[in-house]
Amino acid sequence: MEHKALKVIISGGGTGGHIFPAVSIANKLKELNPETEILFVGAEGKMEMEKVPAAGYKIVGLPITGLQRHLNLKNILNDLSVPFRVVYSLTKAKSIIRKFKPQVAIGVGGYASAPLLMAATKMGIPSLIQEQNGFAGLTNKKLGGKVQCICVAYEGMERFFPAEKIVLTGNPIRSVFVPCTPEMKEEGVKEYGLDPSKKHIFIVGGSLGSSKFNQSIRKWISDGCPGSEGVDVLWQCGKYYKSGVDGFMQEQAAKNPALGETVKYSDFIGRMDLAYAAADVVISRAGASSVSELCAAHKAVVFIPSPNVAEDHQTHNAMALVKKDAAMIVKDADAMEQMMPTALGLLREPGKIKTLEENAGKMALPDASMKIAEEVYKLVKE
């Protein structure tokens, strides 16, 4: 297929889970033809207004905001303003489209994409949405009937979208996430100061860390690290929690001088690919990008879905793997009691680990950015 220069508008954001796929699609389109012009549209005050320019792209903000679920005066005032913000955002979106004249519009979810895609479809611009999760978000569900193509990462999305528009592409992830090799494992063990003679558990609660994960491992450490013989733990605690963890670990090390040999912790993991490679078992949240990365790396995972997300989509993401014997799951409410025992129990079952790794690998969908880019070109061709 010829990859001619295009004018593309990409909208969405609000979280890293929406922004990274959007930037990844943009990068692929620029790679296919460096003359392609791309304009992002986001929500004013949200992280995309910083992250997108940092990735080298221009972004325009809409005054859109989402409805808040918790009742307090600030949220009530916010919710009362939503209809007015939607009307203004639709008007502004139409103005942006008239000025930029895109050949195609892409939405990646999040409320920022709603006004832009609604305006684009009304104005006859070919449009595509990318749904990262196994349970479609509200914005994408509403847009599904209006756009020409819906790129998804999970099977069975006909529950939410017209079947004839669905294309299974996977989620765009960084190219460093590949099936882990013994060489990568060796490098990862060295990178994070782990003992090569031991088994390794990697605990990662997202870029900001997870309070529940931290509470669960602190309880396990306070209990004397039961079941830790021959095991190393690499714990990403998150920047916000680091000082509290420092104090706790110093306290515990005074009681158990060998603790530092069992538990290595850090607020941030720079080389996630090597941390995955070093691990025999990973404990993780089940955000769309994390699930896709872990499948691409062929890792055995215990997922603990976050309960603080819309439509409980992390549970749906995790269960898509659990049903195919490609992962294990522990409910967030049970994490304090079950997180560490489940991971440690899995370490004692090499056959089960091998099965999970193989089945996770089968669910990997590499080259998602390229597949989505090809769908964009098909829309322009049509």
Protein backbone atom coordinates (compact mmCIF):
# COMPACT_ATOMS: atom_id res chain seq x y z
CA MET A 1 0.00 0.00 0.00
CA GLU A 2 1.27 3.47 -0.92
CA HIS A 3 1.81 5.65 2.13
CA LYS A 4 1.15 9.15 0.86
CA ALA A 5 1.34 12.22 3.11
CA LEU A 6 -1.84 12.73 5.13
CA LYS A 7 -3.46 15.33 7.36
CA VAL A 8 -4.59 13.52 10.51
CA ILE A 9 -6.29 14.76 13.65
CA ILE A 10 -5.99 12.59 16.80
CA SER A 11 -8.12 13.16 19.89
CA GLY A 12 -8.44 11.72 23.35
CA GLY A 13 -6.46 11.52 26.56
CA GLY A 14 -6.91 12.16 30.23
CA THR A 15 -4.61 9.29 31.26
CA GLY A 16 -1.31 7.80 30.11
CA GLY A 17 -3.28 4.76 28.99
CA HIS A 18 -4.92 6.89 26.31
CA ILE A 19 -2.00 9.17 25.46
CA PHE A 20 0.67 6.56 24.77
CA PRO A 21 -1.34 4.66 22.12
CA ALA A 22 -2.23 7.99 20.46
CA VAL A 23 1.42 9.06 20.26
CA SER A 24 2.41 5.58 19.09
CA ILE A 25 -0.10 5.75 16.19
CA ALA A 26 1.16 9.24 15.30
CA ASN A 27 4.77 8.05 15.31
CA LYS A 28 3.93 5.17 12.97
CA LEU A 29 2.09 7.47 10.54
CA LYS A 30 5.09 9.84 10.51
CA GLU A 31 7.43 6.88 10.01
CA LEU A 32 5.41 5.73 6.98
CA ASN A 33 5.53 9.24 5.51
CA PRO A 34 7.47 12.02 7.30
CA GLU A 35 5.42 14.63 5.38
CA THR A 36 2.23 13.59 7.19
CA GLU A 37 0.77 16.44 9.28
CA ILE A 38 -0.69 15.50 12.67
CA LEU A 39 -2.68 17.66 15.08
CA PHE A 40 -3.72 16.41 18.52
CA VAL A 41 -6.83 17.58 20.34
CA GLY A 42 -7.03 17.04 24.11
CA ALA A 43 -8.77 18.28 27.24
CA GLU A 44 -7.52 21.54 28.74
CA GLY A 45 -5.55 21.00 31.96
CA LYS A 46 -5.05 17.26 31.41
CA MET A 47 -1.71 15.49 31.07
CA GLU A 48 -1.88 15.26 27.26
CA MET A 49 -1.34 19.04 27.10
CA GLU A 50 2.22 18.38 28.38
CA LYS A 51 2.94 14.85 27.19
CA VAL A 52 2.00 15.37 23.53
CA PRO A 53 4.24 18.45 22.95
CA ALA A 54 7.04 16.54 24.75
CA ALA A 55 6.63 13.85 22.07
CA GLY A 56 7.04 16.50 19.37
CA TYR A 57 3.43 17.12 18.30
CA LYS A 58 1.15 20.15 18.33
CA ILE A 59 -1.96 19.94 20.51
CA VAL A 60 -5.06 22.12 20.90
CA GLY A 61 -7.16 21.92 24.09
CA LEU A 62 -10.94 21.75 24.42
CA PRO A 63 -12.71 23.01 27.59
CA ILE A 64 -14.30 19.57 28.05
CA THR A 65 -14.55 17.80 31.40
CA GLY A 66 -16.10 14.56 32.60
CA LEU A 67 -18.89 14.02 35.11
CA GLN A 68 -17.63 13.46 38.65
CA ARG A 69 -19.13 10.61 40.67
CA HIS A 70 -18.31 11.72 44.23
CA LEU A 71 -20.70 14.27 45.68
CA ASN A 72 -19.15 17.47 46.98
CA LEU A 73 -19.63 21.14 46.13
CA LYS A 74 -16.71 21.31 43.69
CA ASN A 75 -17.94 18.23 41.78
CA ILE A 76 -21.56 19.44 41.72
CA LEU A 77 -20.42 22.76 40.21
CA ASN A 78 -18.28 20.83 37.72
CA ASP A 79 -21.20 18.61 36.71
CA LEU A 80 -23.51 21.61 36.24
CA SER A 81 -20.96 23.11 33.84
CA VAL A 82 -20.59 19.94 31.73
CA PRO A 83 -23.45 20.59 29.23
CA PHE A 84 -22.16 24.11 28.52
CA ARG A 85 -18.60 22.82 28.12
CA VAL A 86 -19.81 20.13 25.69
CA VAL A 87 -21.61 22.71 23.50
CA TYR A 88 -18.59 25.03 23.51
CA SER A 89 -16.22 22.10 22.83
CA LEU A 90 -18.32 20.95 19.86
CA THR A 91 -18.26 24.47 18.41
CA LYS A 92 -14.51 24.74 18.95
CA ALA A 93 -13.94 21.23 17.48
CA LYS A 94 -15.78 22.22 14.28
CA SER A 95 -13.63 25.35 14.04
CA ILE A 96 -10.42 23.29 14.50
CA ILE A 97 -11.50 20.85 11.77
CA ARG A 98 -12.38 23.64 9.32
CA LYS A 99 -9.00 25.26 9.90
CA PHE A 100 -6.83 22.10 9.84
CA LYS A 101 -8.83 20.27 7.11
CA PRO A 102 -7.95 16.68 8.17
CA GLN A 103 -8.42 13.75 5.79
CA VAL A 104 -9.07 11.40 8.71
CA ALA A 105 -9.91 11.69 12.43
CA ILE A 106 -8.74 9.21 15.10
CA GLY A 107 -10.16 8.88 18.62
CA VAL A 108 -8.40 6.93 21.36
CA GLY A 109 -11.04 7.23 24.09
CA GLY A 110 -11.48 9.55 27.02
CA TYR A 111 -14.02 12.37 27.06
CA ALA A 112 -11.70 14.66 25.02
CA SER A 113 -12.33 12.54 21.94
CA ALA A 114 -16.15 12.81 22.04
CA PRO A 115 -16.68 16.39 20.74
CA LEU A 116 -13.93 16.08 18.12
CA LEU A 117 -15.19 12.77 16.68
CA MET A 118 -18.82 13.89 16.84
CA ALA A 119 -17.92 17.02 14.87
CA ALA A 120 -15.72 15.10 12.42
CA THR A 121 -18.36 12.48 11.62
CA LYS A 122 -21.04 15.19 11.14
CA MET A 123 -18.69 17.00 8.76
CA GLY A 124 -18.09 13.87 6.70
CA ILE A 125 -14.48 13.24 7.81
CA PRO A 126 -13.61 9.49 7.72
CA SER A 127 -13.10 8.46 11.35
CA LEU A 128 -11.57 5.63 13.36
CA ILE A 129 -11.57 4.84 17.07
CA GLN A 130 -9.13 2.69 19.02
CA GLU A 131 -10.50 0.90 22.09
CA GLN A 132 -7.71 -0.31 24.39
CA ASN A 133 -9.77 -2.25 26.94
CA GLY A 134 -11.80 -5.45 27.02
CA PHE A 135 -14.81 -3.42 28.19
CA ALA A 136 -15.50 -0.45 25.94
CA GLY A 137 -15.44 3.04 27.45
CA LEU A 138 -18.55 5.22 27.40
CA THR A 139 -17.18 7.69 24.84
CA ASN A 140 -16.16 4.99 22.37
CA LYS A 141 -19.46 3.13 22.78
CA LYS A 142 -21.35 6.30 21.84
CA LEU A 143 -19.08 6.92 18.85
CA GLY A 144 -19.10 3.32 17.59
CA GLY A 145 -22.18 3.76 15.40
CA LYS A 146 -20.85 6.96 13.81
CA VAL A 147 -17.27 6.04 12.80
CA GLN A 148 -16.14 3.87 9.89
CA CYS A 149 -13.59 1.66 11.70
CA ILE A 150 -13.10 0.41 15.28
CA CYS A 151 -9.67 -0.99 16.19
CA VAL A 152 -9.78 -3.27 19.27
CA ALA A 153 -7.33 -5.24 21.42
CA TYR A 154 -9.65 -8.05 22.57
CA GLU A 155 -11.95 -10.59 20.99
CA GLY A 156 -15.69 -10.44 21.66
CA MET A 157 -16.07 -6.66 21.28
CA GLU A 158 -19.25 -7.18 19.20
CA ARG A 159 -21.01 -6.69 22.57
CA PHE A 160 -20.24 -2.99 22.25
CA PHE A 161 -19.74 -2.20 18.57
CA PRO A 162 -21.15 -3.09 15.13
CA ALA A 163 -19.30 -6.31 14.17
CA GLU A 164 -18.67 -5.23 10.57
CA LYS A 165 -16.63 -2.21 11.72
CA ILE A 166 -14.34 -4.10 14.15
CA VAL A 167 -10.69 -4.84 13.35
CA LEU A 168 -8.57 -6.77 15.89
CA THR A 169 -5.28 -4.85 15.94
CA GLY A 170 -4.04 -5.01 19.55
CA ASN A 171 -2.76 -2.05 21.56
CA PRO A 172 0.29 -0.05 20.44
CA ILE A 173 3.20 -0.71 22.81
CA ARG A 174 6.89 0.18 22.81
CA SER A 175 9.09 -1.98 20.58
CA VAL A 176 11.29 -3.01 23.56
CA PHE A 177 8.58 -5.43 24.73
CA VAL A 178 9.46 -8.71 23.05
CA PRO A 179 9.49 -12.36 24.21
CA CYS A 180 12.03 -12.45 27.05
CA THR A 181 15.24 -14.36 26.36
CA PRO A 182 17.77 -15.89 28.81
CA GLU A 183 20.19 -13.08 27.82
CA MET A 184 17.57 -10.44 28.71
CA LYS A 185 16.90 -12.22 32.02
CA GLU A 186 20.62 -12.17 32.85
CA GLU A 187 20.83 -8.47 32.00
CA GLY A 188 17.71 -7.70 34.08
CA VAL A 189 19.00 -9.61 37.11
CA LYS A 190 22.24 -7.64 36.93
CA GLU A 191 20.46 -4.30 36.32
CA TYR A 192 18.37 -4.62 39.48
CA GLY A 193 20.94 -6.29 41.75
CA LEU A 194 19.04 -9.57 42.09
CA ASP A 195 20.55 -12.93 43.03
CA PRO A 196 20.90 -15.10 39.87
CA SER A 197 20.58 -18.28 41.96
CA LYS A 198 17.09 -17.30 43.20
CA LYS A 199 13.58 -17.03 41.71
CA HIS A 200 12.27 -13.49 41.24
CA ILE A 201 8.93 -11.73 41.74
CA PHE A 202 8.42 -8.25 40.24
CA ILE A 203 5.67 -6.12 41.81
CA VAL A 204 4.55 -3.12 39.74
CA GLY A 205 1.58 -0.92 40.61
CA GLY A 206 1.66 1.40 37.59
CA SER A 207 3.86 4.45 37.06
CA LEU A 208 2.65 6.11 40.30
CA GLY A 209 2.72 2.94 42.41
CA SER A 210 -0.23 1.32 44.17
CA SER A 211 -1.23 1.93 47.79
CA LYS A 212 -2.89 -1.51 48.00
CA PHE A 213 0.19 -3.30 46.58
CA ASN A 214 2.42 -1.42 49.02
CA GLN A 215 0.18 -2.25 52.00
CA SER A 216 0.12 -5.92 50.95
CA ILE A 217 3.89 -6.30 50.65
CA ARG A 218 4.45 -4.34 53.87
CA LYS A 219 2.16 -6.77 55.68
CA TRP A 220 4.10 -9.71 54.21
CA ILE A 221 7.43 -8.15 55.29
CA SER A 222 6.06 -7.41 58.79
CA ASP A 223 5.01 -11.07 59.03
CA GLY A 224 8.65 -12.08 58.41
CA CYS A 225 8.50 -12.69 54.61
CA PRO A 226 6.92 -16.18 54.86
CA GLY A 227 7.76 -18.49 51.96
CA SER A 228 10.64 -16.32 50.74
CA GLU A 229 13.36 -18.99 50.84
CA GLY A 230 15.22 -18.87 47.51
CA VAL A 231 13.15 -15.86 46.35
CA ASP A 232 14.04 -12.25 45.50
CA VAL A 233 11.37 -9.53 45.29
CA LEU A 234 11.73 -6.42 43.10
CA TRP A 235 9.17 -3.87 44.30
CA GLN A 236 8.25 -0.68 42.44
CA CYS A 237 6.64 1.39 45.21
CA GLY A 238 6.00 4.71 43.39
CA LYS A 239 7.44 8.19 43.96
CA TYR A 240 4.54 9.33 46.18
CA TYR A 241 5.08 6.44 48.61
CA LYS A 242 8.91 6.29 48.57
CA SER A 243 9.68 8.22 51.77
CA GLY A 244 7.20 6.15 53.80
CA VAL A 245 8.64 2.94 52.37
CA ASP A 246 12.19 4.11 53.23
CA GLY A 247 11.25 4.53 56.89
CA PHE A 248 9.40 1.21 56.99
CA MET A 249 12.29 -0.71 55.40
CA GLN A 250 14.85 0.77 57.81
CA GLU A 251 12.63 -0.24 60.73
CA GLN A 252 12.19 -3.78 59.40
CA ALA A 253 15.88 -4.20 58.50
CA ALA A 254 16.74 -3.58 62.15
CA LYS A 255 14.64 -6.67 63.04
CA ASN A 256 15.68 -8.70 59.98
CA PRO A 257 19.20 -7.81 58.71
CA ALA A 258 18.79 -10.14 55.69
CA LEU A 259 15.74 -8.18 54.42
CA GLY A 260 17.81 -6.18 51.93
CA GLU A 261 18.90 -9.42 50.27
CA THR A 262 15.27 -10.53 49.81
CA VAL A 263 13.49 -7.27 48.88
CA LYS A 264 14.86 -4.65 46.48
CA TYR A 265 12.64 -1.60 46.06
CA SER A 266 12.57 1.52 43.92
CA ASP A 267 10.13 4.35 43.33
CA PHE A 268 10.52 4.05 39.55
CA ILE A 269 11.61 1.33 37.12
CA GLY A 270 13.42 2.81 34.12
CA ARG A 271 13.88 -0.41 32.14
CA MET A 272 10.52 -2.14 32.45
CA ASP A 273 11.51 -4.62 29.72
CA LEU A 274 14.47 -5.82 31.82
CA ALA A 275 12.39 -5.95 35.03
CA TYR A 276 9.88 -8.18 33.22
CA ALA A 277 12.71 -10.31 31.84
CA ALA A 278 14.27 -10.79 35.30
CA ALA A 279 10.96 -11.87 36.83
CA ASP A 280 9.68 -15.43 37.00
CA VAL A 281 6.32 -14.04 38.15
CA VAL A 282 4.95 -10.50 37.79
CA ILE A 283 2.30 -8.93 40.03
CA SER A 284 0.56 -6.11 38.14
CA ARG A 285 -2.53 -3.96 37.73
CA ALA A 286 -4.49 -4.76 34.55
CA GLY A 287 -4.45 -1.50 32.59
CA ALA A 288 -4.65 -2.03 28.83
CA SER A 289 -1.02 -1.09 28.10
CA SER A 290 0.35 -3.24 30.94
CA VAL A 291 -1.63 -6.29 29.78
CA SER A 292 -0.42 -5.83 26.19
CA GLU A 293 3.21 -5.40 27.30
CA LEU A 294 3.11 -8.51 29.49
CA CYS A 295 1.60 -10.61 26.69
CA ALA A 296 4.28 -9.36 24.29
CA ALA A 297 6.96 -10.28 26.88
CA HIS A 298 5.36 -13.76 27.40
CA LYS A 299 5.23 -13.37 31.19
CA ALA A 300 3.39 -15.29 33.93
CA VAL A 301 1.30 -12.70 35.77
CA VAL A 302 -0.90 -12.38 38.82
CA PHE A 303 -3.26 -9.52 37.94
CA ILE A 304 -4.86 -7.45 40.69
CA PRO A 305 -7.26 -5.16 38.80
CA SER A 306 -7.74 -1.66 40.14
CA PRO A 307 -11.29 -1.12 41.41
CA ASN A 308 -10.98 2.65 40.86
CA VAL A 309 -11.59 2.69 37.10
CA ALA A 310 -14.66 3.28 34.94
CA GLU A 311 -16.84 0.22 34.22
CA ASP A 312 -14.34 -1.97 36.14
CA HIS A 313 -12.53 -2.38 32.81
CA GLN A 314 -9.31 -3.72 34.39
CA THR A 315 -11.17 -6.81 35.61
CA HIS A 316 -12.45 -7.38 32.06
CA ASN A 317 -8.91 -6.98 30.70
CA ALA A 318 -7.52 -9.50 33.19
CA MET A 319 -10.35 -12.00 32.75
CA ALA A 320 -9.78 -12.11 28.99
CA LEU A 321 -6.42 -13.76 29.85
CA VAL A 322 -7.58 -15.76 32.87
CA LYS A 323 -10.26 -17.48 30.74
CA LYS A 324 -7.54 -18.67 28.36
CA ASP A 325 -5.22 -19.88 31.17
CA ALA A 326 -2.85 -17.02 30.32
CA ALA A 327 -2.83 -15.27 33.73
CA MET A 328 -4.03 -15.50 37.34
CA ILE A 329 -6.21 -12.99 39.16
CA VAL A 330 -6.62 -11.82 42.76
CA LYS A 331 -9.34 -9.30 43.68
CA ASP A 332 -8.09 -5.98 45.03
CA ALA A 333 -10.16 -6.57 48.19
CA ASP A 334 -8.27 -9.85 48.78
CA ALA A 335 -4.77 -8.52 48.01
CA MET A 336 -3.65 -8.07 51.63
CA GLU A 337 -4.17 -11.77 52.34
CA GLN A 338 -3.64 -13.35 48.93
CA MET A 339 -1.23 -11.27 46.80
CA MET A 340 2.09 -12.63 48.06
CA PRO A 341 0.93 -16.21 48.84
CA THR A 342 -0.53 -16.52 45.31
CA ALA A 343 2.68 -15.30 43.63
CA LEU A 344 4.92 -17.40 45.89
CA GLY A 345 2.72 -20.46 45.30
CA LEU A 346 3.00 -19.95 41.54
CA LEU A 347 6.81 -19.86 41.82
CA ARG A 348 6.66 -23.45 43.14
CA GLU A 349 4.83 -24.58 39.99
CA PRO A 350 7.22 -24.30 37.02
CA GLY A 351 4.78 -26.21 34.80
CA LYS A 352 2.01 -23.70 35.52
CA ILE A 353 4.40 -20.79 34.86
CA LYS A 354 5.33 -22.29 31.50
CA THR A 355 1.64 -22.70 30.56
CA LEU A 356 0.84 -19.10 31.52
CA GLU A 357 3.85 -17.79 29.56
CA GLU A 358 2.94 -19.77 26.44
CA ASN A 359 -0.73 -18.78 26.53
CA ALA A 360 0.05 -15.10 27.24
CA GLY A 361 2.39 -15.15 24.24
CA LYS A 362 -0.42 -16.52 22.05
CA MET A 363 -2.55 -13.51 23.01
CA ALA A 364 0.14 -10.98 22.05
CA LEU A 365 -0.75 -8.80 19.07
CA PRO A 366 2.52 -7.25 17.87
CA ASP A 367 2.72 -4.45 15.29
CA ALA A 368 -0.56 -2.88 16.48
CA SER A 369 0.56 0.62 15.44
CA MET A 370 1.23 -0.59 11.89
CA LYS A 371 -2.13 -2.40 11.69
CA ILE A 372 -3.95 0.73 12.86
CA ALA A 373 -1.99 2.91 10.42
CA GLU A 374 -3.01 0.61 7.57
CA GLU A 375 -6.66 1.00 8.58
CA VAL A 376 -6.20 4.79 8.52
CA TYR A 377 -4.89 4.59 4.95
CA LYS A 378 -7.83 2.39 3.93
CA LEU A 379 -10.24 5.05 5.21
CA VAL A 380 -8.53 7.77 3.19
CA LYS A 381 -8.51 5.53 0.12
CA GLU A 382 -12.25 4.92 0.52
